Amino acid sequence: MMLPPLPPVRDLLPHSGAMVLLDRVVSADDDNLCAEVRIHASSMLATGEGVGAWVGIEYMAQAIAAHAGWKALRRDEAVKVGFLLGSRKYQAAVPYFVPGSVLHVQVHRVLQGENGLGAFDCRIDAAAAGQGAPALATATVTVFQPDNVNQFLEDGKAG
């Protein structure tokens, strides 16, 4: 079965403007998404050395949001807001992502409940790195996407 072309990342995220940190979606399927990030010295998150590796958790969260958005658009549904609940064992092999580098942010859905809770194994690699190269960062990220975000924010009820 041929899948439709991948939409621009801005169409998949509930973010806008400078808050969209991903540049494009490289690939997507029901359980996986790979996004690309180009590191620029002019990034609002950059210091003299580059973008701190701690920003990797936001790259991962946005890739997960893009996955949810991609799935929503395939069902002809609106892209919804979700919440990053936390991460388990975020590990970065580098202190900074160096300007000029291109990163691949890969997310794999390992758990998705009917209640909107999900968990994703995430990995950031240098796009030019070959198969089997060590990851620049890894984590398991837990997310939540309630059916009705406004109701959830008002009274804490997910449904």
N, C-alpha and C. Protein backbone atom coordinates (compact mmCIF):
# COMPACT_ATOMS: atom_id res chain seq x y z
N MET A 1 0.84 -1.18 0.00
CA MET A 1 0.00 0.00 0.00
C MET A 1 0.89 1.25 0.00
N MET A 2 0.63 2.15 -0.89
CA MET A 2 1.42 3.39 -0.98
C MET A 2 0.83 4.43 -0.03
N LEU A 3 1.68 4.97 0.84
CA LEU A 3 1.24 5.99 1.78
C LEU A 3 1.33 7.36 1.12
N PRO A 4 0.46 8.28 1.55
CA PRO A 4 0.53 9.63 0.98
C PRO A 4 1.85 10.30 1.38
N PRO A 5 2.27 11.33 0.64
CA PRO A 5 3.53 12.00 0.97
C PRO A 5 3.48 12.60 2.38
N LEU A 6 4.64 12.74 2.97
CA LEU A 6 4.72 13.29 4.32
C LEU A 6 4.47 14.80 4.28
N PRO A 7 3.58 15.29 5.14
CA PRO A 7 3.30 16.73 5.15
C PRO A 7 4.43 17.50 5.83
N PRO A 8 4.45 18.82 5.63
CA PRO A 8 5.43 19.64 6.35
C PRO A 8 5.24 19.48 7.86
N VAL A 9 6.33 19.51 8.59
CA VAL A 9 6.27 19.28 10.03
C VAL A 9 5.37 20.31 10.72
N ARG A 10 5.30 21.54 10.22
CA ARG A 10 4.45 22.56 10.85
C ARG A 10 2.98 22.17 10.82
N ASP A 11 2.58 21.29 9.86
CA ASP A 11 1.20 20.84 9.78
C ASP A 11 0.90 19.71 10.76
N LEU A 12 1.93 19.12 11.34
CA LEU A 12 1.77 17.98 12.23
C LEU A 12 1.81 18.35 13.71
N LEU A 13 2.32 19.54 14.01
CA LEU A 13 2.53 19.94 15.40
C LEU A 13 1.53 20.99 15.84
N PRO A 14 1.16 20.98 17.12
CA PRO A 14 0.33 22.05 17.65
C PRO A 14 1.16 23.30 18.00
N HIS A 15 2.44 23.27 17.70
CA HIS A 15 3.35 24.39 17.93
C HIS A 15 3.28 25.34 16.74
N SER A 16 3.86 26.52 16.91
CA SER A 16 3.93 27.43 15.77
C SER A 16 5.20 28.28 15.86
N GLY A 17 5.55 28.90 14.74
CA GLY A 17 6.68 29.82 14.69
C GLY A 17 7.98 29.22 15.18
N ALA A 18 8.68 30.01 15.98
CA ALA A 18 10.01 29.62 16.46
C ALA A 18 9.97 28.41 17.40
N MET A 19 8.79 28.05 17.89
CA MET A 19 8.70 26.91 18.80
C MET A 19 8.74 25.57 18.06
N VAL A 20 8.63 25.58 16.74
CA VAL A 20 8.79 24.35 15.96
C VAL A 20 10.29 24.13 15.78
N LEU A 21 10.81 23.12 16.44
CA LEU A 21 12.25 22.87 16.42
C LEU A 21 12.67 21.84 15.38
N LEU A 22 11.73 21.05 14.90
CA LEU A 22 12.04 20.05 13.88
C LEU A 22 11.99 20.70 12.50
N ASP A 23 12.83 20.23 11.59
CA ASP A 23 12.85 20.78 10.23
C ASP A 23 11.96 20.02 9.26
N ARG A 24 11.96 18.70 9.38
CA ARG A 24 11.12 17.93 8.47
C ARG A 24 10.96 16.51 9.00
N VAL A 25 9.93 15.84 8.49
CA VAL A 25 9.72 14.43 8.80
C VAL A 25 10.36 13.63 7.68
N VAL A 26 11.21 12.69 8.05
CA VAL A 26 11.93 11.85 7.09
C VAL A 26 11.10 10.62 6.73
N SER A 27 10.49 10.00 7.76
CA SER A 27 9.68 8.80 7.54
C SER A 27 8.68 8.66 8.68
N ALA A 28 7.59 7.94 8.40
CA ALA A 28 6.58 7.70 9.44
C ALA A 28 5.80 6.44 9.10
N ASP A 29 5.41 5.71 10.13
CA ASP A 29 4.46 4.61 9.99
C ASP A 29 3.66 4.53 11.28
N ASP A 30 2.86 3.51 11.45
CA ASP A 30 1.95 3.45 12.61
C ASP A 30 2.66 3.51 13.95
N ASP A 31 3.89 3.02 14.04
CA ASP A 31 4.59 2.96 15.32
C ASP A 31 5.87 3.78 15.38
N ASN A 32 6.30 4.37 14.26
CA ASN A 32 7.60 5.04 14.20
C ASN A 32 7.52 6.36 13.46
N LEU A 33 8.43 7.24 13.81
CA LEU A 33 8.63 8.47 13.05
C LEU A 33 10.09 8.85 13.18
N CYS A 34 10.64 9.37 12.09
CA CYS A 34 11.99 9.90 12.10
C CYS A 34 11.91 11.34 11.59
N ALA A 35 12.40 12.27 12.39
CA ALA A 35 12.41 13.69 12.02
C ALA A 35 13.84 14.16 11.92
N GLU A 36 14.03 15.22 11.17
CA GLU A 36 15.35 15.80 10.98
C GLU A 36 15.42 17.18 11.64
N VAL A 37 16.55 17.45 12.28
CA VAL A 37 16.83 18.75 12.89
C VAL A 37 18.19 19.20 12.40
N ARG A 38 18.25 20.40 11.87
CA ARG A 38 19.53 21.01 11.48
C ARG A 38 19.92 21.98 12.59
N ILE A 39 21.12 21.83 13.11
CA ILE A 39 21.57 22.66 14.22
C ILE A 39 22.23 23.92 13.66
N HIS A 40 21.69 25.06 14.06
CA HIS A 40 22.18 26.36 13.60
C HIS A 40 22.77 27.14 14.78
N ALA A 41 23.87 27.82 14.55
CA ALA A 41 24.47 28.66 15.59
C ALA A 41 23.53 29.79 15.98
N SER A 42 22.62 30.17 15.08
CA SER A 42 21.69 31.26 15.35
C SER A 42 20.42 30.81 16.07
N SER A 43 20.32 29.53 16.39
CA SER A 43 19.14 29.02 17.10
C SER A 43 18.95 29.76 18.41
N MET A 44 17.69 30.00 18.79
CA MET A 44 17.40 30.68 20.05
C MET A 44 17.89 29.86 21.25
N LEU A 45 18.18 28.58 21.04
CA LEU A 45 18.64 27.71 22.13
C LEU A 45 20.14 27.48 22.10
N ALA A 46 20.83 28.10 21.15
CA ALA A 46 22.28 27.87 21.00
C ALA A 46 23.09 28.78 21.92
N THR A 47 24.20 28.22 22.38
CA THR A 47 25.22 28.99 23.08
C THR A 47 26.44 28.99 22.16
N GLY A 48 27.57 29.42 22.64
CA GLY A 48 28.78 29.42 21.82
C GLY A 48 29.18 28.05 21.32
N GLU A 49 28.91 27.01 22.10
CA GLU A 49 29.32 25.65 21.72
C GLU A 49 28.31 24.95 20.82
N GLY A 50 27.07 25.40 20.84
CA GLY A 50 26.01 24.75 20.08
C GLY A 50 24.74 24.71 20.90
N VAL A 51 23.87 23.79 20.55
CA VAL A 51 22.61 23.61 21.29
C VAL A 51 22.86 22.55 22.35
N GLY A 52 22.59 22.90 23.61
CA GLY A 52 22.80 21.96 24.70
C GLY A 52 22.07 20.64 24.47
N ALA A 53 22.72 19.55 24.79
CA ALA A 53 22.13 18.23 24.58
C ALA A 53 20.83 18.04 25.36
N TRP A 54 20.63 18.83 26.40
CA TRP A 54 19.38 18.75 27.17
C TRP A 54 18.18 19.10 26.29
N VAL A 55 18.37 19.83 25.21
CA VAL A 55 17.27 20.18 24.30
C VAL A 55 16.80 18.94 23.54
N GLY A 56 17.60 17.91 23.54
CA GLY A 56 17.21 16.66 22.88
C GLY A 56 15.89 16.12 23.36
N ILE A 57 15.56 16.31 24.63
CA ILE A 57 14.28 15.81 25.13
C ILE A 57 13.12 16.54 24.46
N GLU A 58 13.29 17.82 24.13
CA GLU A 58 12.25 18.55 23.40
C GLU A 58 12.19 18.10 21.95
N TYR A 59 13.33 17.82 21.34
CA TYR A 59 13.31 17.26 19.99
C TYR A 59 12.51 15.95 19.98
N MET A 60 12.74 15.11 20.99
CA MET A 60 12.03 13.85 21.09
C MET A 60 10.53 14.08 21.28
N ALA A 61 10.18 14.99 22.17
CA ALA A 61 8.77 15.28 22.43
C ALA A 61 8.08 15.80 21.17
N GLN A 62 8.76 16.66 20.42
CA GLN A 62 8.15 17.17 19.19
C GLN A 62 8.03 16.08 18.13
N ALA A 63 8.97 15.15 18.08
CA ALA A 63 8.86 14.04 17.14
C ALA A 63 7.67 13.15 17.51
N ILE A 64 7.45 12.95 18.80
CA ILE A 64 6.28 12.19 19.24
C ILE A 64 5.00 12.93 18.88
N ALA A 65 4.97 14.25 19.09
CA ALA A 65 3.81 15.05 18.71
C ALA A 65 3.58 14.99 17.20
N ALA A 66 4.66 15.02 16.41
CA ALA A 66 4.53 14.91 14.96
C ALA A 66 3.94 13.55 14.58
N HIS A 67 4.34 12.50 15.31
CA HIS A 67 3.77 11.18 15.05
C HIS A 67 2.27 11.19 15.31
N ALA A 68 1.86 11.77 16.43
CA ALA A 68 0.43 11.86 16.75
C ALA A 68 -0.30 12.70 15.70
N GLY A 69 0.32 13.80 15.28
CA GLY A 69 -0.28 14.65 14.25
C GLY A 69 -0.40 13.93 12.92
N TRP A 70 0.63 13.18 12.55
CA TRP A 70 0.61 12.41 11.30
C TRP A 70 -0.53 11.41 11.32
N LYS A 71 -0.68 10.71 12.45
CA LYS A 71 -1.76 9.73 12.57
C LYS A 71 -3.13 10.41 12.53
N ALA A 72 -3.24 11.57 13.19
CA ALA A 72 -4.52 12.30 13.18
C ALA A 72 -4.89 12.72 11.76
N LEU A 73 -3.95 13.28 11.03
CA LEU A 73 -4.24 13.72 9.66
C LEU A 73 -4.63 12.54 8.77
N ARG A 74 -4.04 11.40 8.99
CA ARG A 74 -4.40 10.21 8.21
C ARG A 74 -5.83 9.77 8.49
N ARG A 75 -6.36 10.10 9.68
CA ARG A 75 -7.75 9.77 10.04
C ARG A 75 -8.68 10.94 9.75
N ASP A 76 -8.16 12.00 9.10
CA ASP A 76 -8.92 13.23 8.85
C ASP A 76 -9.41 13.88 10.13
N GLU A 77 -8.57 13.84 11.15
CA GLU A 77 -8.87 14.49 12.44
C GLU A 77 -7.93 15.66 12.64
N ALA A 78 -8.30 16.54 13.55
CA ALA A 78 -7.47 17.70 13.87
C ALA A 78 -6.25 17.27 14.69
N VAL A 79 -5.17 17.99 14.52
CA VAL A 79 -3.97 17.80 15.34
C VAL A 79 -4.28 18.34 16.72
N LYS A 80 -4.03 17.53 17.76
CA LYS A 80 -4.36 17.93 19.13
C LYS A 80 -3.11 18.16 19.97
N VAL A 81 -3.29 18.91 21.02
CA VAL A 81 -2.24 19.16 22.00
C VAL A 81 -2.07 17.92 22.87
N GLY A 82 -0.84 17.61 23.20
CA GLY A 82 -0.54 16.53 24.13
C GLY A 82 0.43 17.05 25.18
N PHE A 83 0.75 16.20 26.12
CA PHE A 83 1.61 16.60 27.24
C PHE A 83 2.78 15.63 27.40
N LEU A 84 3.96 16.18 27.59
CA LEU A 84 5.13 15.40 27.95
C LEU A 84 5.05 15.16 29.45
N LEU A 85 4.90 13.91 29.85
CA LEU A 85 4.81 13.59 31.27
C LEU A 85 6.17 13.41 31.91
N GLY A 86 7.10 12.89 31.14
CA GLY A 86 8.43 12.69 31.69
C GLY A 86 9.24 11.77 30.82
N SER A 87 10.45 11.54 31.27
CA SER A 87 11.33 10.65 30.55
C SER A 87 12.06 9.76 31.54
N ARG A 88 12.41 8.60 31.06
CA ARG A 88 13.18 7.69 31.89
C ARG A 88 14.56 7.59 31.29
N LYS A 89 15.52 7.93 32.09
CA LYS A 89 16.92 7.71 31.76
C LYS A 89 17.36 8.42 30.48
N TYR A 90 17.11 9.74 30.40
CA TYR A 90 17.63 10.50 29.26
C TYR A 90 19.14 10.50 29.38
N GLN A 91 19.80 10.01 28.34
CA GLN A 91 21.26 9.95 28.32
C GLN A 91 21.76 10.61 27.06
N ALA A 92 22.72 11.50 27.22
CA ALA A 92 23.34 12.15 26.07
C ALA A 92 24.82 11.82 26.07
N ALA A 93 25.32 11.45 24.90
CA ALA A 93 26.74 11.10 24.76
C ALA A 93 27.59 12.32 24.47
N VAL A 94 26.95 13.45 24.22
CA VAL A 94 27.64 14.70 23.91
C VAL A 94 27.05 15.82 24.76
N PRO A 95 27.83 16.85 25.10
CA PRO A 95 27.26 17.95 25.87
C PRO A 95 26.46 18.93 25.00
N TYR A 96 26.80 19.00 23.70
CA TYR A 96 26.15 19.93 22.78
C TYR A 96 25.93 19.25 21.44
N PHE A 97 24.88 19.71 20.74
CA PHE A 97 24.71 19.38 19.34
C PHE A 97 25.37 20.52 18.57
N VAL A 98 26.35 20.20 17.77
CA VAL A 98 27.25 21.17 17.16
C VAL A 98 26.59 21.86 15.96
N PRO A 99 26.73 23.19 15.86
CA PRO A 99 26.19 23.90 14.69
C PRO A 99 26.71 23.29 13.39
N GLY A 100 25.83 23.19 12.43
CA GLY A 100 26.16 22.59 11.15
C GLY A 100 25.80 21.11 11.07
N SER A 101 25.56 20.48 12.23
CA SER A 101 25.21 19.07 12.19
C SER A 101 23.73 18.89 11.87
N VAL A 102 23.42 17.72 11.34
CA VAL A 102 22.05 17.33 11.04
C VAL A 102 21.75 16.10 11.88
N LEU A 103 20.66 16.17 12.63
CA LEU A 103 20.28 15.09 13.53
C LEU A 103 19.04 14.38 13.01
N HIS A 104 18.96 13.09 13.28
CA HIS A 104 17.74 12.32 13.07
C HIS A 104 17.19 11.97 14.45
N VAL A 105 15.95 12.35 14.68
CA VAL A 105 15.25 12.06 15.93
C VAL A 105 14.26 10.94 15.62
N GLN A 106 14.54 9.77 16.18
CA GLN A 106 13.71 8.61 15.91
C GLN A 106 12.89 8.27 17.14
N VAL A 107 11.58 8.07 16.92
CA VAL A 107 10.70 7.68 18.02
C VAL A 107 9.98 6.40 17.63
N HIS A 108 9.86 5.50 18.60
CA HIS A 108 9.17 4.22 18.39
C HIS A 108 8.15 4.04 19.51
N ARG A 109 6.90 3.91 19.11
CA ARG A 109 5.82 3.73 20.09
C ARG A 109 5.88 2.32 20.66
N VAL A 110 6.05 2.23 21.98
CA VAL A 110 6.08 0.92 22.63
C VAL A 110 4.80 0.66 23.42
N LEU A 111 4.04 1.71 23.71
CA LEU A 111 2.81 1.56 24.48
C LEU A 111 1.88 2.70 24.13
N GLN A 112 0.61 2.39 23.86
CA GLN A 112 -0.40 3.42 23.62
C GLN A 112 -1.71 2.91 24.19
N GLY A 113 -2.17 3.53 25.27
CA GLY A 113 -3.41 3.11 25.89
C GLY A 113 -4.61 3.85 25.32
N GLU A 114 -5.78 3.27 25.49
CA GLU A 114 -7.03 3.92 25.07
C GLU A 114 -7.27 5.21 25.84
N ASN A 115 -6.62 5.36 27.00
CA ASN A 115 -6.80 6.54 27.85
C ASN A 115 -5.91 7.71 27.45
N GLY A 116 -5.14 7.57 26.38
CA GLY A 116 -4.29 8.66 25.91
C GLY A 116 -2.85 8.61 26.41
N LEU A 117 -2.54 7.67 27.29
CA LEU A 117 -1.16 7.52 27.76
C LEU A 117 -0.34 6.74 26.74
N GLY A 118 0.90 7.17 26.57
CA GLY A 118 1.77 6.47 25.64
C GLY A 118 3.21 6.52 26.11
N ALA A 119 4.01 5.60 25.60
CA ALA A 119 5.45 5.59 25.88
C ALA A 119 6.18 5.31 24.58
N PHE A 120 7.27 6.04 24.37
CA PHE A 120 8.06 5.94 23.15
C PHE A 120 9.53 5.78 23.51
N ASP A 121 10.18 4.84 22.84
CA ASP A 121 11.63 4.75 22.89
C ASP A 121 12.15 5.74 21.86
N CYS A 122 13.08 6.59 22.27
CA CYS A 122 13.57 7.67 21.41
C CYS A 122 15.09 7.61 21.30
N ARG A 123 15.55 8.08 20.16
CA ARG A 123 16.99 8.07 19.88
C ARG A 123 17.31 9.23 18.96
N ILE A 124 18.43 9.89 19.24
CA ILE A 124 18.94 10.94 18.37
C ILE A 124 20.29 10.48 17.84
N ASP A 125 20.40 10.53 16.50
CA ASP A 125 21.63 10.13 15.82
C ASP A 125 22.10 11.26 14.93
N ALA A 126 23.38 11.28 14.63
CA ALA A 126 23.89 12.15 13.57
C ALA A 126 23.36 11.55 12.27
N ALA A 127 22.75 12.38 11.42
CA ALA A 127 22.14 11.87 10.19
C ALA A 127 23.16 11.15 9.32
N ALA A 128 24.40 11.59 9.37
CA ALA A 128 25.45 10.99 8.54
C ALA A 128 26.01 9.70 9.14
N ALA A 129 25.65 9.39 10.38
CA ALA A 129 26.21 8.20 11.03
C ALA A 129 25.67 6.94 10.37
N GLY A 130 26.50 5.97 10.29
CA GLY A 130 26.10 4.70 9.68
C GLY A 130 25.32 3.83 10.65
N GLN A 131 24.76 2.75 10.14
CA GLN A 131 24.04 1.78 10.94
C GLN A 131 24.95 1.26 12.04
N GLY A 132 24.46 1.20 13.26
CA GLY A 132 25.24 0.70 14.38
C GLY A 132 26.09 1.74 15.09
N ALA A 133 26.09 2.99 14.59
CA ALA A 133 26.84 4.05 15.26
C ALA A 133 26.19 4.35 16.61
N PRO A 134 26.98 4.75 17.60
CA PRO A 134 26.39 5.05 18.91
C PRO A 134 25.46 6.25 18.81
N ALA A 135 24.39 6.21 19.60
CA ALA A 135 23.41 7.29 19.64
C ALA A 135 24.01 8.52 20.31
N LEU A 136 23.56 9.69 19.88
CA LEU A 136 23.94 10.94 20.55
C LEU A 136 23.11 11.13 21.82
N ALA A 137 21.87 10.63 21.81
CA ALA A 137 21.00 10.71 22.99
C ALA A 137 19.92 9.65 22.88
N THR A 138 19.48 9.15 24.04
CA THR A 138 18.39 8.16 24.11
C THR A 138 17.52 8.45 25.32
N ALA A 139 16.28 8.00 25.25
CA ALA A 139 15.37 8.10 26.39
C ALA A 139 14.11 7.31 26.07
N THR A 140 13.39 6.96 27.11
CA THR A 140 12.02 6.51 26.98
C THR A 140 11.16 7.67 27.47
N VAL A 141 10.25 8.13 26.63
CA VAL A 141 9.46 9.32 26.93
C VAL A 141 8.00 8.92 27.10
N THR A 142 7.39 9.39 28.17
CA THR A 142 5.99 9.13 28.47
C THR A 142 5.18 10.38 28.14
N VAL A 143 4.06 10.17 27.43
CA VAL A 143 3.22 11.28 26.98
C VAL A 143 1.76 11.00 27.30
N PHE A 144 0.97 12.06 27.23
CA PHE A 144 -0.47 11.96 27.48
C PHE A 144 -1.20 12.89 26.54
N GLN A 145 -2.21 12.35 25.84
CA GLN A 145 -3.03 13.17 24.95
C GLN A 145 -4.50 12.92 25.31
N PRO A 146 -5.07 13.81 26.13
CA PRO A 146 -6.47 13.64 26.52
C PRO A 146 -7.41 13.91 25.34
N ASP A 147 -8.60 13.33 25.39
CA ASP A 147 -9.58 13.57 24.33
C ASP A 147 -9.97 15.04 24.27
N ASN A 148 -10.19 15.63 25.44
CA ASN A 148 -10.62 17.02 25.51
C ASN A 148 -9.61 17.80 26.36
N VAL A 149 -8.68 18.49 25.71
CA VAL A 149 -7.61 19.19 26.41
C VAL A 149 -8.17 20.27 27.34
N ASN A 150 -9.14 21.05 26.87
CA ASN A 150 -9.68 22.13 27.69
C ASN A 150 -10.32 21.60 28.96
N GLN A 151 -11.10 20.53 28.84
CA GLN A 151 -11.73 19.92 30.02
C GLN A 151 -10.66 19.41 30.97
N PHE A 152 -9.63 18.77 30.43
CA PHE A 152 -8.56 18.25 31.26
C PHE A 152 -7.87 19.37 32.02
N LEU A 153 -7.58 20.48 31.35
CA LEU A 153 -6.92 21.60 32.01
C LEU A 153 -7.81 22.26 33.06
N GLU A 154 -9.13 22.26 32.81
CA GLU A 154 -10.06 22.86 33.77
C GLU A 154 -10.25 22.02 35.02
N ASP A 155 -10.49 20.72 34.82
CA ASP A 155 -10.84 19.92 36.00
C ASP A 155 -10.00 18.65 36.16
N GLY A 156 -9.02 18.45 35.33
CA GLY A 156 -8.12 17.31 35.50
C GLY A 156 -8.69 15.99 35.07
N LYS A 157 -9.82 15.99 34.34
CA LYS A 157 -10.43 14.73 33.87
C LYS A 157 -10.01 14.48 32.44
N ALA A 158 -9.54 13.28 32.18
CA ALA A 158 -9.01 12.96 30.87
C ALA A 158 -10.08 12.76 29.80
N GLY A 159 -11.28 12.38 30.15
CA GLY A 159 -12.28 12.06 29.13
C GLY A 159 -13.51 12.88 29.18
